[in-house]
Amino acid sequence: MQATSWDRVPTEKMNEKLARQMINGDNATLARIFLARGALVPRHAHSNEQYSMVLSGALKFIFDDSELVVRAGEVLLIPGNVPHAAEALEDTWNFDFFAPRREDWMRQDDAYLRK
């Protein structure tokens, strides 16, 4: 068992509009992400299931065949291997839960977020 506080989790500034904190277990990753209005997460895909819960603000998710706006209090499930992008319509705090855990993020093999 392990308890922590987000105040004790390091913050990675990915770029001028995106900052991330993450906690990794053996089988999943939980990330708290801040996206300033106008922040763009480029189109990408990963094998992990992704649950995205907007805490405040709004994110527009862009898929190959549709777009969906997720607002505070809403949760979106993105199945593994589904290409997607995102745009912050407002300053946004978001929780992302991934299973299995994001090995690429742990290795900092996530250049698409650092642009």
PDB file of N, CA and C in Angstrom:
ATOM      1  N   MET A   1       0.842  -1.183   0.000  1.00  0.00           N
ATOM      2  CA  MET A   1       0.000   0.000   0.000  1.00  0.00           C
ATOM      3  C   MET A   1       0.883   1.240   0.000  1.00  0.00           C
ATOM      4  N   GLN A   2       0.443   2.234  -0.766  1.00  0.00           N
ATOM      5  CA  GLN A   2       1.196   3.478  -0.822  1.00  0.00           C
ATOM      6  C   GLN A   2       0.223   4.628  -0.999  1.00  0.00           C
ATOM      7  N   ALA A   3       0.346   5.644  -0.165  1.00  0.00           N
ATOM      8  CA  ALA A   3      -0.465   6.853  -0.301  1.00  0.00           C
ATOM      9  C   ALA A   3       0.462   8.020  -0.602  1.00  0.00           C
ATOM     10  N   THR A   4      -0.022   8.939  -1.406  1.00  0.00           N
ATOM     11  CA  THR A   4       0.778  10.115  -1.717  1.00  0.00           C
ATOM     12  C   THR A   4      -0.158  11.290  -1.938  1.00  0.00           C
ATOM     13  N   SER A   5       0.412  12.414  -2.259  1.00  0.00           N
ATOM     14  CA  SER A   5      -0.337  13.629  -2.570  1.00  0.00           C
ATOM     15  C   SER A   5       0.200  14.181  -3.880  1.00  0.00           C
ATOM     16  N   TRP A   6      -0.656  14.799  -4.684  1.00  0.00           N
ATOM     17  CA  TRP A   6      -0.180  15.401  -5.927  1.00  0.00           C
ATOM     18  C   TRP A   6       0.862  16.467  -5.649  1.00  0.00           C
ATOM     19  N   ASP A   7       0.852  17.061  -4.463  1.00  0.00           N
ATOM     20  CA  ASP A   7       1.871  18.050  -4.097  1.00  0.00           C
ATOM     21  C   ASP A   7       3.271  17.440  -4.059  1.00  0.00           C
ATOM     22  N   ARG A   8       3.349  16.131  -3.879  1.00  0.00           N
ATOM     23  CA  ARG A   8       4.649  15.449  -3.799  1.00  0.00           C
ATOM     24  C   ARG A   8       5.055  14.764  -5.099  1.00  0.00           C
ATOM     25  N   VAL A   9       4.202  14.815  -6.103  1.00  0.00           N
ATOM     26  CA  VAL A   9       4.495  14.177  -7.389  1.00  0.00           C
ATOM     27  C   VAL A   9       5.156  15.216  -8.297  1.00  0.00           C
ATOM     28  N   PRO A  10       6.322  14.915  -8.846  1.00  0.00           N
ATOM     29  CA  PRO A  10       7.004  15.882  -9.719  1.00  0.00           C
ATOM     30  C   PRO A  10       6.136  16.287 -10.909  1.00  0.00           C
ATOM     31  N   THR A  11       6.258  17.541 -11.295  1.00  0.00           N
ATOM     32  CA  THR A  11       5.561  18.061 -12.463  1.00  0.00           C
ATOM     33  C   THR A  11       6.541  18.180 -13.619  1.00  0.00           C
ATOM     34  N   GLU A  12       6.179  17.589 -14.757  1.00  0.00           N
ATOM     35  CA  GLU A  12       6.978  17.707 -15.977  1.00  0.00           C
ATOM     36  C   GLU A  12       6.343  18.766 -16.865  1.00  0.00           C
ATOM     37  N   LYS A  13       7.088  19.804 -17.197  1.00  0.00           N
ATOM     38  CA  LYS A  13       6.604  20.782 -18.160  1.00  0.00           C
ATOM     39  C   LYS A  13       6.935  20.239 -19.535  1.00  0.00           C
ATOM     40  N   MET A  14       5.915  19.800 -20.249  1.00  0.00           N
ATOM     41  CA  MET A  14       6.108  19.148 -21.539  1.00  0.00           C
ATOM     42  C   MET A  14       6.379  20.174 -22.635  1.00  0.00           C
ATOM     43  N   ASN A  15       5.663  21.305 -22.575  1.00  0.00           N
ATOM     44  CA  ASN A  15       5.859  22.427 -23.477  1.00  0.00           C
ATOM     45  C   ASN A  15       5.228  23.658 -22.823  1.00  0.00           C
ATOM     46  N   GLU A  16       5.123  24.744 -23.534  1.00  0.00           N
ATOM     47  CA  GLU A  16       4.624  25.994 -22.943  1.00  0.00           C
ATOM     48  C   GLU A  16       3.179  25.906 -22.481  1.00  0.00           C
ATOM     49  N   LYS A  17       2.416  24.942 -22.999  1.00  0.00           N
ATOM     50  CA  LYS A  17       0.990  24.868 -22.687  1.00  0.00           C
ATOM     51  C   LYS A  17       0.554  23.563 -22.038  1.00  0.00           C
ATOM     52  N   LEU A  18       1.511  22.711 -21.702  1.00  0.00           N
ATOM     53  CA  LEU A  18       1.155  21.385 -21.203  1.00  0.00           C
ATOM     54  C   LEU A  18       2.102  20.967 -20.087  1.00  0.00           C
ATOM     55  N   ALA A  19       1.529  20.572 -18.960  1.00  0.00           N
ATOM     56  CA  ALA A  19       2.310  20.052 -17.836  1.00  0.00           C
ATOM     57  C   ALA A  19       1.647  18.766 -17.339  1.00  0.00           C
ATOM     58  N   ARG A  20       2.471  17.827 -16.855  1.00  0.00           N
ATOM     59  CA  ARG A  20       1.975  16.505 -16.481  1.00  0.00           C
ATOM     60  C   ARG A  20       2.597  16.033 -15.180  1.00  0.00           C
ATOM     61  N   GLN A  21       1.776  15.366 -14.390  1.00  0.00           N
ATOM     62  CA  GLN A  21       2.245  14.594 -13.240  1.00  0.00           C
ATOM     63  C   GLN A  21       1.733  13.173 -13.456  1.00  0.00           C
ATOM     64  N   MET A  22       2.497  12.177 -13.035  1.00  0.00           N
ATOM     65  CA  MET A  22       2.005  10.811 -13.205  1.00  0.00           C
ATOM     66  C   MET A  22       2.455   9.903 -12.075  1.00  0.00           C
ATOM     67  N   ILE A  23       1.585   8.951 -11.818  1.00  0.00           N
ATOM     68  CA  ILE A  23       1.846   7.904 -10.836  1.00  0.00           C
ATOM     69  C   ILE A  23       1.690   6.582 -11.575  1.00  0.00           C
ATOM     70  N   ASN A  24       2.684   5.720 -11.453  1.00  0.00           N
ATOM     71  CA  ASN A  24       2.668   4.435 -12.141  1.00  0.00           C
ATOM     72  C   ASN A  24       2.614   3.296 -11.143  1.00  0.00           C
ATOM     73  N   GLY A  25       1.698   2.370 -11.382  1.00  0.00           N
ATOM     74  CA  GLY A  25       1.659   1.128 -10.641  1.00  0.00           C
ATOM     75  C   GLY A  25       2.227   0.027 -11.511  1.00  0.00           C
ATOM     76  N   ASP A  26       2.033  -1.198 -11.095  1.00  0.00           N
ATOM     77  CA  ASP A  26       2.524  -2.320 -11.886  1.00  0.00           C
ATOM     78  C   ASP A  26       1.754  -2.479 -13.193  1.00  0.00           C
ATOM     79  N   ASN A  27       0.481  -2.090 -13.200  1.00  0.00           N
ATOM     80  CA  ASN A  27      -0.373  -2.375 -14.349  1.00  0.00           C
ATOM     81  C   ASN A  27      -1.114  -1.171 -14.916  1.00  0.00           C
ATOM     82  N   ALA A  28      -0.922   0.012 -14.349  1.00  0.00           N
ATOM     83  CA  ALA A  28      -1.677   1.174 -14.824  1.00  0.00           C
ATOM     84  C   ALA A  28      -0.917   2.459 -14.520  1.00  0.00           C
ATOM     85  N   THR A  29      -1.311   3.523 -15.228  1.00  0.00           N
ATOM     86  CA  THR A  29      -0.760   4.860 -15.022  1.00  0.00           C
ATOM     87  C   THR A  29      -1.922   5.818 -14.791  1.00  0.00           C
ATOM     88  N   LEU A  30      -1.766   6.677 -13.788  1.00  0.00           N
ATOM     89  CA  LEU A  30      -2.699   7.766 -13.543  1.00  0.00           C
ATOM     90  C   LEU A  30      -1.921   9.057 -13.726  1.00  0.00           C
ATOM     91  N   ALA A  31      -2.444   9.947 -14.576  1.00  0.00           N
ATOM     92  CA  ALA A  31      -1.762  11.213 -14.838  1.00  0.00           C
ATOM     93  C   ALA A  31      -2.716  12.365 -14.576  1.00  0.00           C
ATOM     94  N   ARG A  32      -2.187  13.416 -13.950  1.00  0.00           N
ATOM     95  CA  ARG A  32      -2.909  14.678 -13.809  1.00  0.00           C
ATOM     96  C   ARG A  32      -2.236  15.641 -14.768  1.00  0.00           C
ATOM     97  N   ILE A  33      -3.027  16.202 -15.673  1.00  0.00           N
ATOM     98  CA  ILE A  33      -2.470  16.995 -16.764  1.00  0.00           C
ATOM     99  C   ILE A  33      -3.128  18.368 -16.780  1.00  0.00           C
ATOM    100  N   PHE A  34      -2.297  19.408 -16.934  1.00  0.00           N
ATOM    101  CA  PHE A  34      -2.813  20.755 -17.153  1.00  0.00           C
ATOM    102  C   PHE A  34      -2.559  21.134 -18.600  1.00  0.00           C
ATOM    103  N   LEU A  35      -3.602  21.581 -19.283  1.00  0.00           N
ATOM    104  CA  LEU A  35      -3.503  22.042 -20.667  1.00  0.00           C
ATOM    105  C   LEU A  35      -4.033  23.472 -20.715  1.00  0.00           C
ATOM    106  N   ALA A  36      -3.173  24.414 -21.068  1.00  0.00           N
ATOM    107  CA  ALA A  36      -3.609  25.799 -21.223  1.00  0.00           C
ATOM    108  C   ALA A  36      -4.482  25.896 -22.471  1.00  0.00           C
ATOM    109  N   ARG A  37      -5.382  26.856 -22.459  1.00  0.00           N
ATOM    110  CA  ARG A  37      -6.243  27.072 -23.630  1.00  0.00           C
ATOM    111  C   ARG A  37      -5.392  27.127 -24.903  1.00  0.00           C
ATOM    112  N   GLY A  38      -5.808  26.369 -25.911  1.00  0.00           N
ATOM    113  CA  GLY A  38      -5.079  26.319 -27.170  1.00  0.00           C
ATOM    114  C   GLY A  38      -4.039  25.219 -27.243  1.00  0.00           C
ATOM    115  N   ALA A  39      -3.772  24.535 -26.139  1.00  0.00           N
ATOM    116  CA  ALA A  39      -2.808  23.426 -26.159  1.00  0.00           C
ATOM    117  C   ALA A  39      -3.297  22.345 -27.120  1.00  0.00           C
ATOM    118  N   LEU A  40      -2.363  21.792 -27.875  1.00  0.00           N
ATOM    119  CA  LEU A  40      -2.685  20.738 -28.824  1.00  0.00           C
ATOM    120  C   LEU A  40      -1.903  19.475 -28.481  1.00  0.00           C
ATOM    121  N   VAL A  41      -2.595  18.366 -28.429  1.00  0.00           N
ATOM    122  CA  VAL A  41      -1.954  17.058 -28.335  1.00  0.00           C
ATOM    123  C   VAL A  41      -2.070  16.458 -29.732  1.00  0.00           C
ATOM    124  N   PRO A  42      -0.948  16.320 -30.439  1.00  0.00           N
ATOM    125  CA  PRO A  42      -1.002  15.853 -31.833  1.00  0.00           C
ATOM    126  C   PRO A  42      -1.610  14.454 -31.959  1.00  0.00           C
ATOM    127  N   ARG A  43      -2.070  14.144 -33.153  1.00  0.00           N
ATOM    128  CA  ARG A  43      -2.643  12.831 -33.445  1.00  0.00           C
ATOM    129  C   ARG A  43      -1.623  11.753 -33.100  1.00  0.00           C
ATOM    130  N   HIS A  44      -2.096  10.751 -32.388  1.00  0.00           N
ATOM    131  CA  HIS A  44      -1.247   9.630 -31.983  1.00  0.00           C
ATOM    132  C   HIS A  44      -2.155   8.453 -31.629  1.00  0.00           C
ATOM    133  N   ALA A  45      -1.564   7.321 -31.384  1.00  0.00           N
ATOM    134  CA  ALA A  45      -2.290   6.138 -30.933  1.00  0.00           C
ATOM    135  C   ALA A  45      -1.371   5.346 -30.022  1.00  0.00           C
ATOM    136  N   HIS A  46      -1.960   4.582 -29.129  1.00  0.00           N
ATOM    137  CA  HIS A  46      -1.196   3.719 -28.217  1.00  0.00           C
ATOM    138  C   HIS A  46      -2.049   2.499 -27.890  1.00  0.00           C
ATOM    139  N   SER A  47      -1.392   1.445 -27.488  1.00  0.00           N
ATOM    140  CA  SER A  47      -2.112   0.201 -27.204  1.00  0.00           C
ATOM    141  C   SER A  47      -2.917   0.275 -25.911  1.00  0.00           C
ATOM    142  N   ASN A  48      -2.639   1.260 -25.074  1.00  0.00           N
ATOM    143  CA  ASN A  48      -3.295   1.380 -23.778  1.00  0.00           C
ATOM    144  C   ASN A  48      -4.732   1.873 -23.912  1.00  0.00           C
ATOM    145  N   GLU A  49      -5.651   1.317 -23.114  1.00  0.00           N
ATOM    146  CA  GLU A  49      -6.952   1.946 -22.939  1.00  0.00           C
ATOM    147  C   GLU A  49      -6.726   3.253 -22.204  1.00  0.00           C
ATOM    148  N   GLN A  50      -7.500   4.270 -22.545  1.00  0.00           N
ATOM    149  CA  GLN A  50      -7.353   5.578 -21.904  1.00  0.00           C
ATOM    150  C   GLN A  50      -8.717   6.052 -21.422  1.00  0.00           C
ATOM    151  N   TYR A  51      -8.791   6.357 -20.134  1.00  0.00           N
ATOM    152  CA  TYR A  51      -9.973   6.988 -19.566  1.00  0.00           C
ATOM    153  C   TYR A  51      -9.573   8.428 -19.272  1.00  0.00           C
ATOM    154  N   SER A  52     -10.253   9.378 -19.894  1.00  0.00           N
ATOM    155  CA  SER A  52      -9.940  10.792 -19.730  1.00  0.00           C
ATOM    156  C   SER A  52     -11.095  11.454 -18.991  1.00  0.00           C
ATOM    157  N   MET A  53     -10.817  12.011 -17.807  1.00  0.00           N
ATOM    158  CA  MET A  53     -11.832  12.693 -17.013  1.00  0.00           C
ATOM    159  C   MET A  53     -11.441  14.157 -16.874  1.00  0.00           C
ATOM    160  N   VAL A  54     -12.277  15.034 -17.384  1.00  0.00           N
ATOM    161  CA  VAL A  54     -12.012  16.461 -17.296  1.00  0.00           C
ATOM    162  C   VAL A  54     -12.490  16.956 -15.936  1.00  0.00           C
ATOM    163  N   LEU A  55     -11.563  17.539 -15.187  1.00  0.00           N
ATOM    164  CA  LEU A  55     -11.881  18.081 -13.863  1.00  0.00           C
ATOM    165  C   LEU A  55     -12.418  19.499 -13.966  1.00  0.00           C
ATOM    166  N   SER A  56     -11.802  20.296 -14.845  1.00  0.00           N
ATOM    167  CA  SER A  56     -12.269  21.655 -15.104  1.00  0.00           C
ATOM    168  C   SER A  56     -11.842  22.024 -16.518  1.00  0.00           C
ATOM    169  N   GLY A  57     -12.625  22.866 -17.168  1.00  0.00           N
ATOM    170  CA  GLY A  57     -12.311  23.254 -18.531  1.00  0.00           C
ATOM    171  C   GLY A  57     -13.007  22.365 -19.544  1.00  0.00           C
ATOM    172  N   ALA A  58     -12.423  22.276 -20.736  1.00  0.00           N
ATOM    173  CA  ALA A  58     -13.025  21.481 -21.813  1.00  0.00           C
ATOM    174  C   ALA A  58     -11.948  21.062 -22.804  1.00  0.00           C
ATOM    175  N   LEU A  59     -12.022  19.814 -23.251  1.00  0.00           N
ATOM    176  CA  LEU A  59     -11.113  19.271 -24.265  1.00  0.00           C
ATOM    177  C   LEU A  59     -11.919  18.797 -25.456  1.00  0.00           C
ATOM    178  N   LYS A  60     -11.445  19.137 -26.644  1.00  0.00           N
ATOM    179  CA  LYS A  60     -12.030  18.600 -27.868  1.00  0.00           C
ATOM    180  C   LYS A  60     -11.136  17.462 -28.337  1.00  0.00           C
ATOM    181  N   PHE A  61     -11.694  16.258 -28.411  1.00  0.00           N
ATOM    182  CA  PHE A  61     -10.973  15.095 -28.914  1.00  0.00           C
ATOM    183  C   PHE A  61     -11.328  14.924 -30.384  1.00  0.00           C
ATOM    184  N   ILE A  62     -10.313  14.696 -31.190  1.00  0.00           N
ATOM    185  CA  ILE A  62     -10.488  14.560 -32.627  1.00  0.00           C
ATOM    186  C   ILE A  62     -10.106  13.131 -33.023  1.00  0.00           C
ATOM    187  N   PHE A  63     -11.069  12.424 -33.604  1.00  0.00           N
ATOM    188  CA  PHE A  63     -10.862  11.064 -34.085  1.00  0.00           C
ATOM    189  C   PHE A  63     -10.934  11.086 -35.613  1.00  0.00           C
ATOM    190  N   ASP A  64     -10.573  10.001 -36.256  1.00  0.00           N
ATOM    191  CA  ASP A  64     -10.582   9.958 -37.718  1.00  0.00           C
ATOM    192  C   ASP A  64     -11.962  10.236 -38.294  1.00  0.00           C
ATOM    193  N   ASP A  65     -13.011   9.843 -37.569  1.00  0.00           N
ATOM    194  CA  ASP A  65     -14.367   9.977 -38.116  1.00  0.00           C
ATOM    195  C   ASP A  65     -15.288  10.882 -37.304  1.00  0.00           C
ATOM    196  N   SER A  66     -14.767  11.533 -36.254  1.00  0.00           N
ATOM    197  CA  SER A  66     -15.639  12.370 -35.436  1.00  0.00           C
ATOM    198  C   SER A  66     -14.821  13.250 -34.498  1.00  0.00           C
ATOM    199  N   GLU A  67     -15.530  14.203 -33.891  1.00  0.00           N
ATOM    200  CA  GLU A  67     -14.966  15.047 -32.840  1.00  0.00           C
ATOM    201  C   GLU A  67     -15.923  15.008 -31.658  1.00  0.00           C
ATOM    202  N   LEU A  68     -15.373  15.138 -30.443  1.00  0.00           N
ATOM    203  CA  LEU A  68     -16.186  15.076 -29.241  1.00  0.00           C
ATOM    204  C   LEU A  68     -15.619  16.041 -28.215  1.00  0.00           C
ATOM    205  N   VAL A  69     -16.461  16.899 -27.660  1.00  0.00           N
ATOM    206  CA  VAL A  69     -16.028  17.816 -26.605  1.00  0.00           C
ATOM    207  C   VAL A  69     -16.378  17.191 -25.255  1.00  0.00           C
ATOM    208  N   VAL A  70     -15.381  17.123 -24.375  1.00  0.00           N
ATOM    209  CA  VAL A  70     -15.554  16.568 -23.036  1.00  0.00           C
ATOM    210  C   VAL A  70     -15.352  17.711 -22.054  1.00  0.00           C
ATOM    211  N   ARG A  71     -16.340  17.915 -21.187  1.00  0.00           N
ATOM    212  CA  ARG A  71     -16.328  19.040 -20.251  1.00  0.00           C
ATOM    213  C   ARG A  71     -16.194  18.550 -18.811  1.00  0.00           C
ATOM    214  N   ALA A  72     -16.026  19.487 -17.900  1.00  0.00           N
ATOM    215  CA  ALA A  72     -15.844  19.169 -16.480  1.00  0.00           C
ATOM    216  C   ALA A  72     -16.910  18.178 -16.004  1.00  0.00           C
ATOM    217  N   GLY A  73     -16.439  17.123 -15.337  1.00  0.00           N
ATOM    218  CA  GLY A  73     -17.329  16.104 -14.800  1.00  0.00           C
ATOM    219  C   GLY A  73     -17.613  14.962 -15.758  1.00  0.00           C
ATOM    220  N   GLU A  74     -17.123  15.059 -16.991  1.00  0.00           N
ATOM    221  CA  GLU A  74     -17.375  14.010 -17.976  1.00  0.00           C
ATOM    222  C   GLU A  74     -16.137  13.132 -18.156  1.00  0.00           C
ATOM    223  N   VAL A  75     -16.375  11.892 -18.552  1.00  0.00           N
ATOM    224  CA  VAL A  75     -15.315  10.908 -18.754  1.00  0.00           C
ATOM    225  C   VAL A  75     -15.442  10.317 -20.154  1.00  0.00           C
ATOM    226  N   LEU A  76     -14.316  10.156 -20.815  1.00  0.00           N
ATOM    227  CA  LEU A  76     -14.268   9.556 -22.151  1.00  0.00           C
ATOM    228  C   LEU A  76     -13.368   8.333 -22.099  1.00  0.00           C
ATOM    229  N   LEU A  77     -13.837   7.227 -22.662  1.00  0.00           N
ATOM    230  CA  LEU A  77     -13.010   6.019 -22.808  1.00  0.00           C
ATOM    231  C   LEU A  77     -12.540   5.949 -24.252  1.00  0.00           C
ATOM    232  N   ILE A  78     -11.224   5.894 -24.432  1.00  0.00           N
ATOM    233  CA  ILE A  78     -10.635   5.715 -25.759  1.00  0.00           C
ATOM    234  C   ILE A  78     -10.023   4.312 -25.781  1.00  0.00           C
ATOM    235  N   PRO A  79     -10.552   3.410 -26.599  1.00  0.00           N
ATOM    236  CA  PRO A  79      -9.977   2.061 -26.672  1.00  0.00           C
ATOM    237  C   PRO A  79      -8.538   2.099 -27.181  1.00  0.00           C
ATOM    238  N   GLY A  80      -7.789   1.067 -26.892  1.00  0.00           N
ATOM    239  CA  GLY A  80      -6.421   0.968 -27.374  1.00  0.00           C
ATOM    240  C   GLY A  80      -6.357   1.011 -28.891  1.00  0.00           C
ATOM    241  N   ASN A  81      -5.268   1.585 -29.407  1.00  0.00           N
ATOM    242  CA  ASN A  81      -4.965   1.644 -30.834  1.00  0.00           C
ATOM    243  C   ASN A  81      -5.914   2.505 -31.664  1.00  0.00           C
ATOM    244  N   VAL A  82      -6.670   3.385 -31.024  1.00  0.00           N
ATOM    245  CA  VAL A  82      -7.543   4.312 -31.752  1.00  0.00           C
ATOM    246  C   VAL A  82      -6.815   5.642 -31.897  1.00  0.00           C
ATOM    247  N   PRO A  83      -6.491   6.060 -33.125  1.00  0.00           N
ATOM    248  CA  PRO A  83      -5.808   7.342 -33.304  1.00  0.00           C
ATOM    249  C   PRO A  83      -6.686   8.500 -32.829  1.00  0.00           C
ATOM    250  N   HIS A  84      -6.053   9.455 -32.153  1.00  0.00           N
ATOM    251  CA  HIS A  84      -6.783  10.606 -31.639  1.00  0.00           C
ATOM    252  C   HIS A  84      -5.840  11.775 -31.422  1.00  0.00           C
ATOM    253  N   ALA A  85      -6.434  12.954 -31.345  1.00  0.00           N
ATOM    254  CA  ALA A  85      -5.734  14.190 -31.005  1.00  0.00           C
ATOM    255  C   ALA A  85      -6.641  14.922 -30.031  1.00  0.00           C
ATOM    256  N   ALA A  86      -6.109  15.993 -29.413  1.00  0.00           N
ATOM    257  CA  ALA A  86      -6.931  16.764 -28.479  1.00  0.00           C
ATOM    258  C   ALA A  86      -6.520  18.228 -28.533  1.00  0.00           C
ATOM    259  N   GLU A  87      -7.501  19.087 -28.258  1.00  0.00           N
ATOM    260  CA  GLU A  87      -7.267  20.523 -28.183  1.00  0.00           C
ATOM    261  C   GLU A  87      -7.960  21.056 -26.943  1.00  0.00           C
ATOM    262  N   ALA A  88      -7.245  21.863 -26.151  1.00  0.00           N
ATOM    263  CA  ALA A  88      -7.838  22.486 -24.965  1.00  0.00           C
ATOM    264  C   ALA A  88      -8.635  23.710 -25.400  1.00  0.00           C
ATOM    265  N   LEU A  89      -9.947  23.674 -25.212  1.00  0.00           N
ATOM    266  CA  LEU A  89     -10.811  24.792 -25.567  1.00  0.00           C
ATOM    267  C   LEU A  89     -10.782  25.883 -24.500  1.00  0.00           C
ATOM    268  N   GLU A  90     -10.360  25.492 -23.296  1.00  0.00           N
ATOM    269  CA  GLU A  90     -10.213  26.392 -22.153  1.00  0.00           C
ATOM    270  C   GLU A  90      -9.004  25.886 -21.368  1.00  0.00           C
ATOM    271  N   ASP A  91      -8.529  26.666 -20.403  1.00  0.00           N
ATOM    272  CA  ASP A  91      -7.559  26.112 -19.467  1.00  0.00           C
ATOM    273  C   ASP A  91      -8.215  24.904 -18.825  1.00  0.00           C
ATOM    274  N   THR A  92      -7.521  23.761 -18.841  1.00  0.00           N
ATOM    275  CA  THR A  92      -8.151  22.493 -18.458  1.00  0.00           C
ATOM    276  C   THR A  92      -7.263  21.674 -17.532  1.00  0.00           C
ATOM    277  N   TRP A  93      -7.866  21.146 -16.474  1.00  0.00           N
ATOM    278  CA  TRP A  93      -7.250  20.115 -15.633  1.00  0.00           C
ATOM    279  C   TRP A  93      -7.934  18.806 -15.974  1.00  0.00           C
ATOM    280  N   ASN A  94      -7.131  17.766 -16.168  1.00  0.00           N
ATOM    281  CA  ASN A  94      -7.623  16.488 -16.660  1.00  0.00           C
ATOM    282  C   ASN A  94      -6.913  15.353 -15.930  1.00  0.00           C
ATOM    283  N   PHE A  95      -7.645  14.298 -15.633  1.00  0.00           N
ATOM    284  CA  PHE A  95      -7.041  13.044 -15.186  1.00  0.00           C
ATOM    285  C   PHE A  95      -7.099  12.064 -16.337  1.00  0.00           C
ATOM    286  N   ASP A  96      -5.983  11.416 -16.649  1.00  0.00           N
ATOM    287  CA  ASP A  96      -5.955  10.320 -17.611  1.00  0.00           C
ATOM    288  C   ASP A  96      -5.528   9.061 -16.884  1.00  0.00           C
ATOM    289  N   PHE A  97      -6.293   7.993 -17.083  1.00  0.00           N
ATOM    290  CA  PHE A  97      -5.974   6.689 -16.524  1.00  0.00           C
ATOM    291  C   PHE A  97      -5.714   5.750 -17.687  1.00  0.00           C
ATOM    292  N   PHE A  98      -4.573   5.072 -17.658  1.00  0.00           N
ATOM    293  CA  PHE A  98      -4.168   4.172 -18.735  1.00  0.00           C
ATOM    294  C   PHE A  98      -3.933   2.768 -18.200  1.00  0.00           C
ATOM    295  N   ALA A  99      -4.416   1.788 -18.944  1.00  0.00           N
ATOM    296  CA  ALA A  99      -4.108   0.393 -18.633  1.00  0.00           C
ATOM    297  C   ALA A  99      -3.838  -0.315 -19.960  1.00  0.00           C
ATOM    298  N   PRO A 100      -2.715  -1.046 -20.063  1.00  0.00           N
ATOM    299  CA  PRO A 100      -1.638  -1.097 -19.066  1.00  0.00           C
ATOM    300  C   PRO A 100      -0.919   0.251 -18.943  1.00  0.00           C
ATOM    301  N   ARG A 101       0.031   0.286 -18.027  1.00  0.00           N
ATOM    302  CA  ARG A 101       0.719   1.549 -17.756  1.00  0.00           C
ATOM    303  C   ARG A 101       1.481   2.050 -18.981  1.00  0.00           C
ATOM    304  N   ARG A 102       1.759   3.358 -18.983  1.00  0.00           N
ATOM    305  CA  ARG A 102       2.417   4.006 -20.118  1.00  0.00           C
ATOM    306  C   ARG A 102       3.931   3.861 -20.017  1.00  0.00           C
ATOM    307  N   GLU A 103       4.430   2.745 -20.494  1.00  0.00           N
ATOM    308  CA  GLU A 103       5.874   2.499 -20.484  1.00  0.00           C
ATOM    309  C   GLU A 103       6.613   3.576 -21.285  1.00  0.00           C
ATOM    310  N   ASP A 104       6.021   4.036 -22.402  1.00  0.00           N
ATOM    311  CA  ASP A 104       6.665   5.066 -23.219  1.00  0.00           C
ATOM    312  C   ASP A 104       6.830   6.365 -22.433  1.00  0.00           C
ATOM    313  N   TRP A 105       5.834   6.736 -21.641  1.00  0.00           N
ATOM    314  CA  TRP A 105       5.950   7.942 -20.813  1.00  0.00           C
ATOM    315  C   TRP A 105       7.012   7.757 -19.733  1.00  0.00           C
ATOM    316  N   MET A 106       7.080   6.585 -19.164  1.00  0.00           N
ATOM    317  CA  MET A 106       8.072   6.320 -18.122  1.00  0.00           C
ATOM    318  C   MET A 106       9.488   6.439 -18.674  1.00  0.00           C
ATOM    319  N   ARG A 107       9.671   6.060 -19.954  1.00  0.00           N
ATOM    320  CA  ARG A 107      10.977   6.178 -20.613  1.00  0.00           C
ATOM    321  C   ARG A 107      11.198   7.573 -21.201  1.00  0.00           C
ATOM    322  N   GLN A 108      10.200   8.432 -21.087  1.00  0.00           N
ATOM    323  CA  GLN A 108      10.196   9.764 -21.708  1.00  0.00           C
ATOM    324  C   GLN A 108      10.312   9.668 -23.226  1.00  0.00           C
ATOM    325  N   ASP A 109       9.726   8.617 -23.771  1.00  0.00           N
ATOM    326  CA  ASP A 109       9.658   8.405 -25.211  1.00  0.00           C
ATOM    327  C   ASP A 109       8.310   8.962 -25.701  1.00  0.00           C
ATOM    328  N   ASP A 110       8.128  10.270 -25.517  1.00  0.00           N
ATOM    329  CA  ASP A 110       6.845  10.910 -25.791  1.00  0.00           C
ATOM    330  C   ASP A 110       7.064  12.278 -26.423  1.00  0.00           C
ATOM    331  N   ALA A 111       7.921  12.297 -27.446  1.00  0.00           N
ATOM    332  CA  ALA A 111       8.293  13.542 -28.107  1.00  0.00           C
ATOM    333  C   ALA A 111       7.093  14.288 -28.669  1.00  0.00           C
ATOM    334  N   TYR A 112       6.040  13.562 -29.054  1.00  0.00           N
ATOM    335  CA  TYR A 112       4.858  14.222 -29.597  1.00  0.00           C
ATOM    336  C   TYR A 112       4.226  15.200 -28.602  1.00  0.00           C
ATOM    337  N   LEU A 113       4.425  14.978 -27.305  1.00  0.00           N
ATOM    338  CA  LEU A 113       3.898  15.890 -26.275  1.00  0.00           C
ATOM    339  C   LEU A 113       4.849  17.039 -25.960  1.00  0.00           C
ATOM    340  N   ARG A 114       6.068  16.911 -26.367  1.00  0.00           N
ATOM    341  CA  ARG A 114       7.090  17.904 -25.982  1.00  0.00           C
ATOM    342  C   ARG A 114       7.310  18.975 -27.052  1.00  0.00           C
ATOM    343  N   LYS A 115       6.421  19.038 -28.038  1.00  0.00           N
ATOM    344  CA  LYS A 115       6.554  20.017 -29.124  1.00  0.00           C
ATOM    345  C   LYS A 115       5.877  21.322 -28.742  1.00  0.00           C
TER     346      LYS A 115
END
